[in-house]
Amino acid sequence: MSHNSIQLKNPHLEGMPSDYLYHLAINVPDTKNTGDIQKQFGDVRVICTGGTAIRMLELAKYLGKLLGVEDTSEPVDLCAKGHRYALYKVGPVICVSHGVGSSTFSVVLHELLKLVHYAKCQDPIFLRIGTCGGIGVTPGTVVVTKDAFNGLLRNEHEIAILGERVVRPAQFPESVIKDILAYGVRPDDGFQIISANTMGTDCFYEGQGRTDGAICEYTAEDKMKFLHKCHDLGIRNIEMEASFFASITQKIGVKAGDICVTLLNRLDGDQVNAEKKEEFEHRPFLVVGRYIQQLLKK
């Protein structure tokens, strides 16, 4: 099996003598001689991302025990000086917070892609672990995203670049989905894991058809019609990052997967059940942990 470091889609980087990954507070003083970066991050095989710093710290500690990492001390935030994102390293895995939505995620994902490029990481896999609202599935179901739809219900991601509308496809690789489903779930888990389409919106309230935001100019019937239209497209969950995440990793050509647990069924309402939230949030940890264990055996 051949191993390759990723190739970025930016020829301008070749002419940059140095690169400061500003939001991660990681300096690459010499882009032609990245020995220090390689020493620190060159063994990374998996990049796990998720919304909050505390969830990523919990994931780092969980994976440290699961993978038998010798250093049992509390993981250290390697990006603390940046005051924006948190990054923890446990063996060949880094766990990084990305905030809420594709705008904050885009900042850190660009810099993470550059980091693994400079570190010459071999065949890195990017995973997003998160929470979401389900559509027609039991709360607590783990959804592995197949095709990612934007808020216009198109299987693509749209971004404005130089004043122009740029559209990119947004699919996750079948090989990653297949392996996550094969290794990540066990019959006695007590919850369901499925592969389905996901909608990633730019807004938590109106963009997702909620009726509990500060503004709502549509009826409850309009909402239900919209959610059923989503369901007809094979969409089983809604969050705020999938279409962006799929489009960027697909464009670069790196393997990626989006694994989210549904906190509620949107066909039954808009409010999250706080009592079940903590229990449900741990489920993607189980799935991703098993997947990473198998991945590292290859």
C-alpha atoms as a PDB file:
ATOM      1  CA  MET A   1       0.000   0.000   0.000  1.00  0.00           C
ATOM      2  CA  SER A   2       1.501   3.295  -1.106  1.00  0.00           C
ATOM      3  CA  HIS A   3       1.397   6.309   1.179  1.00  0.00           C
ATOM      4  CA  ASN A   4       1.254   9.893   0.034  1.00  0.00           C
ATOM      5  CA  SER A   5       1.217  13.321   1.592  1.00  0.00           C
ATOM      6  CA  ILE A   6      -1.565  15.597   0.391  1.00  0.00           C
ATOM      7  CA  GLN A   7      -1.150  18.089  -2.421  1.00  0.00           C
ATOM      8  CA  LEU A   8      -2.896  21.421  -1.949  1.00  0.00           C
ATOM      9  CA  LYS A   9      -4.673  23.352  -4.716  1.00  0.00           C
ATOM     10  CA  ASN A  10      -2.802  26.642  -4.340  1.00  0.00           C
ATOM     11  CA  PRO A  11       0.270  27.331  -6.519  1.00  0.00           C
ATOM     12  CA  HIS A  12       0.922  30.584  -4.633  1.00  0.00           C
ATOM     13  CA  LEU A  13       2.082  28.592  -1.587  1.00  0.00           C
ATOM     14  CA  GLU A  14       5.160  27.486  -3.526  1.00  0.00           C
ATOM     15  CA  GLY A  15       6.416  31.065  -3.582  1.00  0.00           C
ATOM     16  CA  MET A  16       5.913  31.694   0.126  1.00  0.00           C
ATOM     17  CA  PRO A  17       9.170  31.401   2.134  1.00  0.00           C
ATOM     18  CA  SER A  18       7.237  31.118   5.411  1.00  0.00           C
ATOM     19  CA  ASP A  19       3.651  30.587   6.512  1.00  0.00           C
ATOM     20  CA  TYR A  20       2.017  31.570   9.787  1.00  0.00           C
ATOM     21  CA  LEU A  21      -1.111  29.539  10.489  1.00  0.00           C
ATOM     22  CA  TYR A  22      -2.562  32.512  12.312  1.00  0.00           C
ATOM     23  CA  HIS A  23      -5.728  31.068  13.840  1.00  0.00           C
ATOM     24  CA  LEU A  24      -3.899  27.939  15.044  1.00  0.00           C
ATOM     25  CA  ALA A  25      -0.951  30.018  16.283  1.00  0.00           C
ATOM     26  CA  ILE A  26       1.454  27.649  14.520  1.00  0.00           C
ATOM     27  CA  ASN A  27       4.409  29.174  12.693  1.00  0.00           C
ATOM     28  CA  VAL A  28       6.102  27.571   9.686  1.00  0.00           C
ATOM     29  CA  PRO A  29       9.231  29.745   9.428  1.00  0.00           C
ATOM     30  CA  ASP A  30      10.647  27.914   6.399  1.00  0.00           C
ATOM     31  CA  THR A  31       8.219  26.203   4.039  1.00  0.00           C
ATOM     32  CA  LYS A  32      11.099  24.420   2.272  1.00  0.00           C
ATOM     33  CA  ASN A  33      12.470  22.982   5.509  1.00  0.00           C
ATOM     34  CA  THR A  34       9.607  21.891   7.748  1.00  0.00           C
ATOM     35  CA  GLY A  35      11.550  19.448   9.913  1.00  0.00           C
ATOM     36  CA  ASP A  36      10.204  20.800  13.223  1.00  0.00           C
ATOM     37  CA  ILE A  37       6.606  20.604  12.000  1.00  0.00           C
ATOM     38  CA  GLN A  38       7.209  17.086  10.699  1.00  0.00           C
ATOM     39  CA  LYS A  39       8.677  16.051  14.031  1.00  0.00           C
ATOM     40  CA  GLN A  40       5.653  17.325  15.932  1.00  0.00           C
ATOM     41  CA  PHE A  41       2.844  16.349  13.552  1.00  0.00           C
ATOM     42  CA  GLY A  42       4.307  14.046  10.889  1.00  0.00           C
ATOM     43  CA  ASP A  43       2.860  10.882  12.454  1.00  0.00           C
ATOM     44  CA  VAL A  44      -0.728  12.161  12.340  1.00  0.00           C
ATOM     45  CA  ARG A  45      -3.091   9.800  10.507  1.00  0.00           C
ATOM     46  CA  VAL A  46      -6.467  11.137  11.627  1.00  0.00           C
ATOM     47  CA  ILE A  47      -7.732  14.672  12.163  1.00  0.00           C
ATOM     48  CA  CYS A  48     -10.914  14.736  14.252  1.00  0.00           C
ATOM     49  CA  THR A  49     -12.895  17.957  14.331  1.00  0.00           C
ATOM     50  CA  GLY A  50     -15.932  19.030  16.338  1.00  0.00           C
ATOM     51  CA  GLY A  51     -17.720  22.142  17.478  1.00  0.00           C
ATOM     52  CA  THR A  52     -16.496  22.818  21.000  1.00  0.00           C
ATOM     53  CA  ALA A  53     -13.132  22.737  22.735  1.00  0.00           C
ATOM     54  CA  ILE A  54     -14.479  20.740  25.672  1.00  0.00           C
ATOM     55  CA  ARG A  55     -15.901  18.042  23.409  1.00  0.00           C
ATOM     56  CA  MET A  56     -12.575  17.741  21.595  1.00  0.00           C
ATOM     57  CA  LEU A  57     -10.726  17.494  24.905  1.00  0.00           C
ATOM     58  CA  GLU A  58     -13.094  14.716  25.976  1.00  0.00           C
ATOM     59  CA  LEU A  59     -12.580  12.959  22.646  1.00  0.00           C
ATOM     60  CA  ALA A  60      -8.800  13.269  22.953  1.00  0.00           C
ATOM     61  CA  LYS A  61      -8.856  11.692  26.414  1.00  0.00           C
ATOM     62  CA  TYR A  62     -11.206   8.950  25.239  1.00  0.00           C
ATOM     63  CA  LEU A  63      -9.043   8.112  22.209  1.00  0.00           C
ATOM     64  CA  GLY A  64      -5.879   8.241  24.306  1.00  0.00           C
ATOM     65  CA  LYS A  65      -7.182   5.449  26.531  1.00  0.00           C
ATOM     66  CA  LEU A  66      -8.681   3.500  23.633  1.00  0.00           C
ATOM     67  CA  LEU A  67      -5.477   3.579  21.581  1.00  0.00           C
ATOM     68  CA  GLY A  68      -3.223   2.883  24.557  1.00  0.00           C
ATOM     69  CA  VAL A  69      -1.243   6.107  24.223  1.00  0.00           C
ATOM     70  CA  GLU A  70       1.559   5.959  26.795  1.00  0.00           C
ATOM     71  CA  ASP A  71       1.333   9.591  27.864  1.00  0.00           C
ATOM     72  CA  THR A  72      -1.561   9.554  30.345  1.00  0.00           C
ATOM     73  CA  SER A  73      -1.285  13.219  31.334  1.00  0.00           C
ATOM     74  CA  GLU A  74      -4.035  15.722  30.520  1.00  0.00           C
ATOM     75  CA  PRO A  75      -3.862  16.614  26.800  1.00  0.00           C
ATOM     76  CA  VAL A  76      -2.445  20.091  26.212  1.00  0.00           C
ATOM     77  CA  ASP A  77      -4.080  22.621  23.904  1.00  0.00           C
ATOM     78  CA  LEU A  78      -1.331  23.195  21.320  1.00  0.00           C
ATOM     79  CA  CYS A  79      -3.133  26.227  19.884  1.00  0.00           C
ATOM     80  CA  ALA A  80      -3.951  28.016  23.144  1.00  0.00           C
ATOM     81  CA  LYS A  81      -1.968  31.099  22.100  1.00  0.00           C
ATOM     82  CA  GLY A  82      -4.363  31.660  19.206  1.00  0.00           C
ATOM     83  CA  HIS A  83      -7.360  32.053  21.568  1.00  0.00           C
ATOM     84  CA  ARG A  84      -9.735  30.786  18.855  1.00  0.00           C
ATOM     85  CA  TYR A  85      -9.515  27.032  18.399  1.00  0.00           C
ATOM     86  CA  ALA A  86      -8.287  24.163  20.554  1.00  0.00           C
ATOM     87  CA  LEU A  87      -6.005  21.404  19.238  1.00  0.00           C
ATOM     88  CA  TYR A  88      -5.077  18.271  21.200  1.00  0.00           C
ATOM     89  CA  LYS A  89      -2.720  15.530  20.010  1.00  0.00           C
ATOM     90  CA  VAL A  90      -2.950  11.919  21.208  1.00  0.00           C
ATOM     91  CA  GLY A  91      -0.576   9.625  19.367  1.00  0.00           C
ATOM     92  CA  PRO A  92      -1.343   9.729  15.624  1.00  0.00           C
ATOM     93  CA  VAL A  93      -4.627  11.615  16.126  1.00  0.00           C
ATOM     94  CA  ILE A  94      -5.345  15.309  16.591  1.00  0.00           C
ATOM     95  CA  CYS A  95      -8.673  16.601  17.877  1.00  0.00           C
ATOM     96  CA  VAL A  96      -9.526  20.163  16.882  1.00  0.00           C
ATOM     97  CA  SER A  97     -12.501  22.402  17.687  1.00  0.00           C
ATOM     98  CA  HIS A  98     -14.068  24.233  14.728  1.00  0.00           C
ATOM     99  CA  GLY A  99     -16.806  26.393  16.252  1.00  0.00           C
ATOM    100  CA  VAL A 100     -20.364  26.600  14.922  1.00  0.00           C
ATOM    101  CA  GLY A 101     -21.060  26.626  11.208  1.00  0.00           C
ATOM    102  CA  SER A 102     -19.063  26.512   7.998  1.00  0.00           C
ATOM    103  CA  SER A 103     -17.636  30.036   8.338  1.00  0.00           C
ATOM    104  CA  THR A 104     -15.622  29.244  11.469  1.00  0.00           C
ATOM    105  CA  PHE A 105     -14.922  25.715  10.227  1.00  0.00           C
ATOM    106  CA  SER A 106     -13.530  27.019   6.920  1.00  0.00           C
ATOM    107  CA  VAL A 107     -10.861  29.054   8.682  1.00  0.00           C
ATOM    108  CA  VAL A 108      -9.472  26.175  10.694  1.00  0.00           C
ATOM    109  CA  LEU A 109      -9.885  23.571   7.938  1.00  0.00           C
ATOM    110  CA  HIS A 110      -7.763  25.578   5.488  1.00  0.00           C
ATOM    111  CA  GLU A 111      -5.046  25.837   8.135  1.00  0.00           C
ATOM    112  CA  LEU A 112      -5.303  22.161   9.131  1.00  0.00           C
ATOM    113  CA  LEU A 113      -4.911  21.133   5.499  1.00  0.00           C
ATOM    114  CA  LYS A 114      -1.800  23.281   5.259  1.00  0.00           C
ATOM    115  CA  LEU A 115      -0.514  21.855   8.546  1.00  0.00           C
ATOM    116  CA  VAL A 116      -0.727  18.224   7.430  1.00  0.00           C
ATOM    117  CA  HIS A 117       0.793  19.247   4.092  1.00  0.00           C
ATOM    118  CA  TYR A 118       3.820  20.879   5.719  1.00  0.00           C
ATOM    119  CA  ALA A 119       4.104  17.976   8.183  1.00  0.00           C
ATOM    120  CA  LYS A 120       4.059  15.516   5.244  1.00  0.00           C
ATOM    121  CA  CYS A 121       1.394  13.397   6.949  1.00  0.00           C
ATOM    122  CA  GLN A 122       0.741  10.196   5.029  1.00  0.00           C
ATOM    123  CA  ASP A 123      -2.821   9.640   3.760  1.00  0.00           C
ATOM    124  CA  PRO A 124      -4.496  11.663   6.528  1.00  0.00           C
ATOM    125  CA  ILE A 125      -8.227  11.218   7.069  1.00  0.00           C
ATOM    126  CA  PHE A 126     -10.414  14.090   8.269  1.00  0.00           C
ATOM    127  CA  LEU A 127     -13.436  13.277  10.426  1.00  0.00           C
ATOM    128  CA  ARG A 128     -16.118  15.558  11.809  1.00  0.00           C
ATOM    129  CA  ILE A 129     -17.933  14.465  14.954  1.00  0.00           C
ATOM    130  CA  GLY A 130     -21.009  16.427  15.875  1.00  0.00           C
ATOM    131  CA  THR A 131     -24.659  16.751  16.813  1.00  0.00           C
ATOM    132  CA  CYS A 132     -27.584  17.461  14.547  1.00  0.00           C
ATOM    133  CA  GLY A 133     -31.323  17.432  14.135  1.00  0.00           C
ATOM    134  CA  GLY A 134     -32.799  14.293  12.620  1.00  0.00           C
ATOM    135  CA  ILE A 135     -35.545  14.013  10.023  1.00  0.00           C
ATOM    136  CA  GLY A 136     -37.702  10.935  10.459  1.00  0.00           C
ATOM    137  CA  VAL A 137     -35.156   9.022  12.550  1.00  0.00           C
ATOM    138  CA  THR A 138     -35.163   8.088  16.230  1.00  0.00           C
ATOM    139  CA  PRO A 139     -33.297  10.615  18.429  1.00  0.00           C
ATOM    140  CA  GLY A 140     -29.860   9.203  19.222  1.00  0.00           C
ATOM    141  CA  THR A 141     -29.371   7.740  15.747  1.00  0.00           C
ATOM    142  CA  VAL A 142     -25.841   8.215  14.385  1.00  0.00           C
ATOM    143  CA  VAL A 143     -25.800   9.419  10.771  1.00  0.00           C
ATOM    144  CA  VAL A 144     -22.764   8.981   8.513  1.00  0.00           C
ATOM    145  CA  THR A 145     -23.143  11.513   5.708  1.00  0.00           C
ATOM    146  CA  LYS A 146     -23.231  10.355   2.109  1.00  0.00           C
ATOM    147  CA  ASP A 147     -24.198  13.347  -0.054  1.00  0.00           C
ATOM    148  CA  ALA A 148     -24.230  16.812   1.513  1.00  0.00           C
ATOM    149  CA  PHE A 149     -26.909  19.310   0.520  1.00  0.00           C
ATOM    150  CA  ASN A 150     -26.835  23.051   1.101  1.00  0.00           C
ATOM    151  CA  GLY A 151     -29.699  25.206   2.392  1.00  0.00           C
ATOM    152  CA  LEU A 152     -31.108  25.456  -1.149  1.00  0.00           C
ATOM    153  CA  LEU A 153     -31.485  21.655  -1.151  1.00  0.00           C
ATOM    154  CA  ARG A 154     -28.765  21.224  -3.750  1.00  0.00           C
ATOM    155  CA  ASN A 155     -26.073  18.555  -3.498  1.00  0.00           C
ATOM    156  CA  GLU A 156     -23.301  21.154  -3.606  1.00  0.00           C
ATOM    157  CA  HIS A 157     -21.613  23.925  -1.667  1.00  0.00           C
ATOM    158  CA  GLU A 158     -21.837  27.520  -2.800  1.00  0.00           C
ATOM    159  CA  ILE A 159     -19.285  30.205  -1.916  1.00  0.00           C
ATOM    160  CA  ALA A 160     -18.643  33.762  -3.110  1.00  0.00           C
ATOM    161  CA  ILE A 161     -15.065  34.169  -4.421  1.00  0.00           C
ATOM    162  CA  LEU A 162     -13.859  37.464  -5.930  1.00  0.00           C
ATOM    163  CA  GLY A 163     -17.463  38.588  -6.165  1.00  0.00           C
ATOM    164  CA  GLU A 164     -18.490  35.520  -8.142  1.00  0.00           C
ATOM    165  CA  ARG A 165     -20.636  32.523  -7.191  1.00  0.00           C
ATOM    166  CA  VAL A 166     -18.516  29.363  -7.106  1.00  0.00           C
ATOM    167  CA  VAL A 167     -20.247  25.990  -6.780  1.00  0.00           C
ATOM    168  CA  ARG A 168     -18.454  22.773  -5.835  1.00  0.00           C
ATOM    169  CA  PRO A 169     -19.719  19.187  -5.510  1.00  0.00           C
ATOM    170  CA  ALA A 170     -20.202  17.870  -1.981  1.00  0.00           C
ATOM    171  CA  GLN A 171     -19.911  14.119  -1.581  1.00  0.00           C
ATOM    172  CA  PHE A 172     -18.002  12.011   0.926  1.00  0.00           C
ATOM    173  CA  PRO A 173     -16.014   8.988  -0.322  1.00  0.00           C
ATOM    174  CA  GLU A 174     -17.855   5.672  -0.281  1.00  0.00           C
ATOM    175  CA  SER A 175     -14.770   3.841   1.016  1.00  0.00           C
ATOM    176  CA  VAL A 176     -14.739   5.862   4.253  1.00  0.00           C
ATOM    177  CA  ILE A 177     -18.492   5.479   4.749  1.00  0.00           C
ATOM    178  CA  LYS A 178     -18.260   1.731   4.178  1.00  0.00           C
ATOM    179  CA  ASP A 179     -15.446   1.293   6.707  1.00  0.00           C
ATOM    180  CA  ILE A 180     -17.124   3.449   9.355  1.00  0.00           C
ATOM    181  CA  LEU A 181     -20.298   1.370   9.056  1.00  0.00           C
ATOM    182  CA  ALA A 182     -18.323  -1.887   9.063  1.00  0.00           C
ATOM    183  CA  TYR A 183     -16.093  -1.164  12.052  1.00  0.00           C
ATOM    184  CA  GLY A 184     -17.943   1.501  14.011  1.00  0.00           C
ATOM    185  CA  VAL A 185     -21.091  -0.266  15.159  1.00  0.00           C
ATOM    186  CA  ARG A 186     -21.828  -3.366  17.199  1.00  0.00           C
ATOM    187  CA  PRO A 187     -25.151  -5.213  17.637  1.00  0.00           C
ATOM    188  CA  ASP A 188     -25.270  -4.563  21.381  1.00  0.00           C
ATOM    189  CA  ASP A 189     -24.749  -0.779  21.171  1.00  0.00           C
ATOM    190  CA  GLY A 190     -28.414  -0.028  21.650  1.00  0.00           C
ATOM    191  CA  PHE A 191     -28.569   2.629  18.951  1.00  0.00           C
ATOM    192  CA  GLN A 192     -28.808   2.734  15.174  1.00  0.00           C
ATOM    193  CA  ILE A 193     -26.128   3.934  12.766  1.00  0.00           C
ATOM    194  CA  ILE A 194     -27.104   4.736   9.184  1.00  0.00           C
ATOM    195  CA  SER A 195     -25.622   6.272   6.058  1.00  0.00           C
ATOM    196  CA  ALA A 196     -27.789   9.021   4.597  1.00  0.00           C
ATOM    197  CA  ASN A 197     -27.767  12.452   3.042  1.00  0.00           C
ATOM    198  CA  THR A 198     -27.237  15.536   5.210  1.00  0.00           C
ATOM    199  CA  MET A 199     -28.212  19.169   4.812  1.00  0.00           C
ATOM    200  CA  GLY A 200     -25.671  21.749   5.976  1.00  0.00           C
ATOM    201  CA  THR A 201     -27.188  25.219   6.392  1.00  0.00           C
ATOM    202  CA  ASP A 202     -25.778  28.682   7.077  1.00  0.00           C
ATOM    203  CA  CYS A 203     -28.344  29.337   9.809  1.00  0.00           C
ATOM    204  CA  PHE A 204     -29.504  27.343  12.844  1.00  0.00           C
ATOM    205  CA  TYR A 205     -32.988  28.838  13.041  1.00  0.00           C
ATOM    206  CA  GLU A 206     -34.637  30.154   9.852  1.00  0.00           C
ATOM    207  CA  GLY A 207     -32.250  28.282   7.563  1.00  0.00           C
ATOM    208  CA  GLN A 208     -33.292  25.002   9.158  1.00  0.00           C
ATOM    209  CA  GLY A 209     -36.990  25.816   9.153  1.00  0.00           C
ATOM    210  CA  ARG A 210     -37.273  26.201  12.917  1.00  0.00           C
ATOM    211  CA  THR A 211     -40.198  28.050  14.466  1.00  0.00           C
ATOM    212  CA  ASP A 212     -38.431  28.945  17.731  1.00  0.00           C
ATOM    213  CA  GLY A 213     -35.992  31.634  16.553  1.00  0.00           C
ATOM    214  CA  ALA A 214     -36.195  35.409  17.027  1.00  0.00           C
ATOM    215  CA  ILE A 215     -37.685  35.754  13.528  1.00  0.00           C
ATOM    216  CA  CYS A 216     -40.088  33.384  11.764  1.00  0.00           C
ATOM    217  CA  GLU A 217     -42.095  34.473   8.734  1.00  0.00           C
ATOM    218  CA  TYR A 218     -43.511  31.075   7.723  1.00  0.00           C
ATOM    219  CA  THR A 219     -46.166  28.815   9.159  1.00  0.00           C
ATOM    220  CA  ALA A 220     -45.809  25.499  10.939  1.00  0.00           C
ATOM    221  CA  GLU A 221     -47.341  23.918   7.837  1.00  0.00           C
ATOM    222  CA  ASP A 222     -44.636  25.542   5.654  1.00  0.00           C
ATOM    223  CA  LYS A 223     -41.999  24.079   7.946  1.00  0.00           C
ATOM    224  CA  MET A 224     -43.396  20.568   7.760  1.00  0.00           C
ATOM    225  CA  LYS A 225     -43.684  20.757   3.976  1.00  0.00           C
ATOM    226  CA  PHE A 226     -40.013  21.757   3.805  1.00  0.00           C
ATOM    227  CA  LEU A 227     -38.872  18.971   6.153  1.00  0.00           C
ATOM    228  CA  HIS A 228     -40.817  16.358   4.191  1.00  0.00           C
ATOM    229  CA  LYS A 229     -39.182  17.662   0.992  1.00  0.00           C
ATOM    230  CA  CYS A 230     -35.797  17.130   2.672  1.00  0.00           C
ATOM    231  CA  HIS A 231     -36.837  13.622   3.681  1.00  0.00           C
ATOM    232  CA  ASP A 232     -37.845  12.835   0.081  1.00  0.00           C
ATOM    233  CA  LEU A 233     -34.283  13.735  -0.990  1.00  0.00           C
ATOM    234  CA  GLY A 234     -32.879  11.114   1.377  1.00  0.00           C
ATOM    235  CA  ILE A 235     -31.823  13.748   3.920  1.00  0.00           C
ATOM    236  CA  ARG A 236     -31.989  12.338   7.435  1.00  0.00           C
ATOM    237  CA  ASN A 237     -30.204  15.059   9.390  1.00  0.00           C
ATOM    238  CA  ILE A 238     -29.545  18.790   9.376  1.00  0.00           C
ATOM    239  CA  GLU A 239     -26.454  20.577  10.697  1.00  0.00           C
ATOM    240  CA  MET A 240     -24.238  23.487   9.629  1.00  0.00           C
ATOM    241  CA  GLU A 241     -20.987  22.110   8.233  1.00  0.00           C
ATOM    242  CA  ALA A 242     -21.497  19.089   5.959  1.00  0.00           C
ATOM    243  CA  SER A 243     -21.704  20.716   2.519  1.00  0.00           C
ATOM    244  CA  PHE A 244     -18.659  22.907   3.123  1.00  0.00           C
ATOM    245  CA  PHE A 245     -16.640  20.059   4.664  1.00  0.00           C
ATOM    246  CA  ALA A 246     -17.450  17.665   1.823  1.00  0.00           C
ATOM    247  CA  SER A 247     -16.691  20.238  -0.885  1.00  0.00           C
ATOM    248  CA  ILE A 248     -13.275  21.245   0.437  1.00  0.00           C
ATOM    249  CA  THR A 249     -12.007  17.731   1.182  1.00  0.00           C
ATOM    250  CA  GLN A 250     -13.358  16.500  -2.161  1.00  0.00           C
ATOM    251  CA  LYS A 251     -11.625  19.386  -3.963  1.00  0.00           C
ATOM    252  CA  ILE A 252      -8.285  18.692  -2.259  1.00  0.00           C
ATOM    253  CA  GLY A 253      -8.656  14.940  -2.668  1.00  0.00           C
ATOM    254  CA  VAL A 254      -8.338  13.898   0.978  1.00  0.00           C
ATOM    255  CA  LYS A 255     -10.501  11.230   2.581  1.00  0.00           C
ATOM    256  CA  ALA A 256     -13.125  12.511   4.987  1.00  0.00           C
ATOM    257  CA  GLY A 257     -16.211  11.488   6.907  1.00  0.00           C
ATOM    258  CA  ASP A 258     -18.974  13.302   8.792  1.00  0.00           C
ATOM    259  CA  ILE A 259     -20.430  11.415  11.769  1.00  0.00           C
ATOM    260  CA  CYS A 260     -23.236  13.103  13.719  1.00  0.00           C
ATOM    261  CA  VAL A 261     -25.763  11.997  16.317  1.00  0.00           C
ATOM    262  CA  THR A 262     -29.328  13.232  16.082  1.00  0.00           C
ATOM    263  CA  LEU A 263     -30.520  14.981  19.244  1.00  0.00           C
ATOM    264  CA  LEU A 264     -34.146  15.116  18.137  1.00  0.00           C
ATOM    265  CA  ASN A 265     -36.531  14.260  15.320  1.00  0.00           C
ATOM    266  CA  ARG A 266     -37.445  17.575  13.673  1.00  0.00           C
ATOM    267  CA  LEU A 267     -40.757  16.106  12.496  1.00  0.00           C
ATOM    268  CA  ASP A 268     -41.760  16.028  16.182  1.00  0.00           C
ATOM    269  CA  GLY A 269     -40.537  19.493  17.195  1.00  0.00           C
ATOM    270  CA  ASP A 270     -37.626  21.941  17.367  1.00  0.00           C
ATOM    271  CA  GLN A 271     -36.438  21.753  20.986  1.00  0.00           C
ATOM    272  CA  VAL A 272     -33.554  19.514  22.087  1.00  0.00           C
ATOM    273  CA  ASN A 273     -34.115  17.139  25.012  1.00  0.00           C
ATOM    274  CA  ALA A 274     -31.437  18.307  27.448  1.00  0.00           C
ATOM    275  CA  GLU A 275     -31.623  15.125  29.529  1.00  0.00           C
ATOM    276  CA  LYS A 276     -30.533  12.914  26.632  1.00  0.00           C
ATOM    277  CA  LYS A 277     -27.957  15.296  25.128  1.00  0.00           C
ATOM    278  CA  GLU A 278     -24.891  14.088  27.063  1.00  0.00           C
ATOM    279  CA  GLU A 279     -25.680  10.402  26.522  1.00  0.00           C
ATOM    280  CA  PHE A 280     -26.235  10.910  22.800  1.00  0.00           C
ATOM    281  CA  GLU A 281     -23.072  13.012  22.305  1.00  0.00           C
ATOM    282  CA  HIS A 282     -20.870  10.083  23.348  1.00  0.00           C
ATOM    283  CA  ARG A 283     -22.199   7.779  20.630  1.00  0.00           C
ATOM    284  CA  PRO A 284     -20.079   9.212  17.776  1.00  0.00           C
ATOM    285  CA  PHE A 285     -17.055   8.736  20.060  1.00  0.00           C
ATOM    286  CA  LEU A 286     -17.723   4.988  20.128  1.00  0.00           C
ATOM    287  CA  VAL A 287     -18.173   4.790  16.363  1.00  0.00           C
ATOM    288  CA  VAL A 288     -15.144   6.915  15.474  1.00  0.00           C
ATOM    289  CA  GLY A 289     -12.947   5.253  18.086  1.00  0.00           C
ATOM    290  CA  ARG A 290     -13.552   1.779  16.645  1.00  0.00           C
ATOM    291  CA  TYR A 291     -13.030   3.047  13.110  1.00  0.00           C
ATOM    292  CA  ILE A 292      -9.703   4.651  14.053  1.00  0.00           C
ATOM    293  CA  GLN A 293      -8.576   1.471  15.823  1.00  0.00           C
ATOM    294  CA  GLN A 294      -9.094  -0.535  12.642  1.00  0.00           C
ATOM    295  CA  LEU A 295      -7.563   2.185  10.481  1.00  0.00           C
ATOM    296  CA  LEU A 296      -4.340   2.200  12.475  1.00  0.00           C
ATOM    297  CA  LYS A 297      -3.970  -1.573  12.072  1.00  0.00           C
ATOM    298  CA  LYS A 298      -3.592  -1.198   8.296  1.00  0.00           C
END
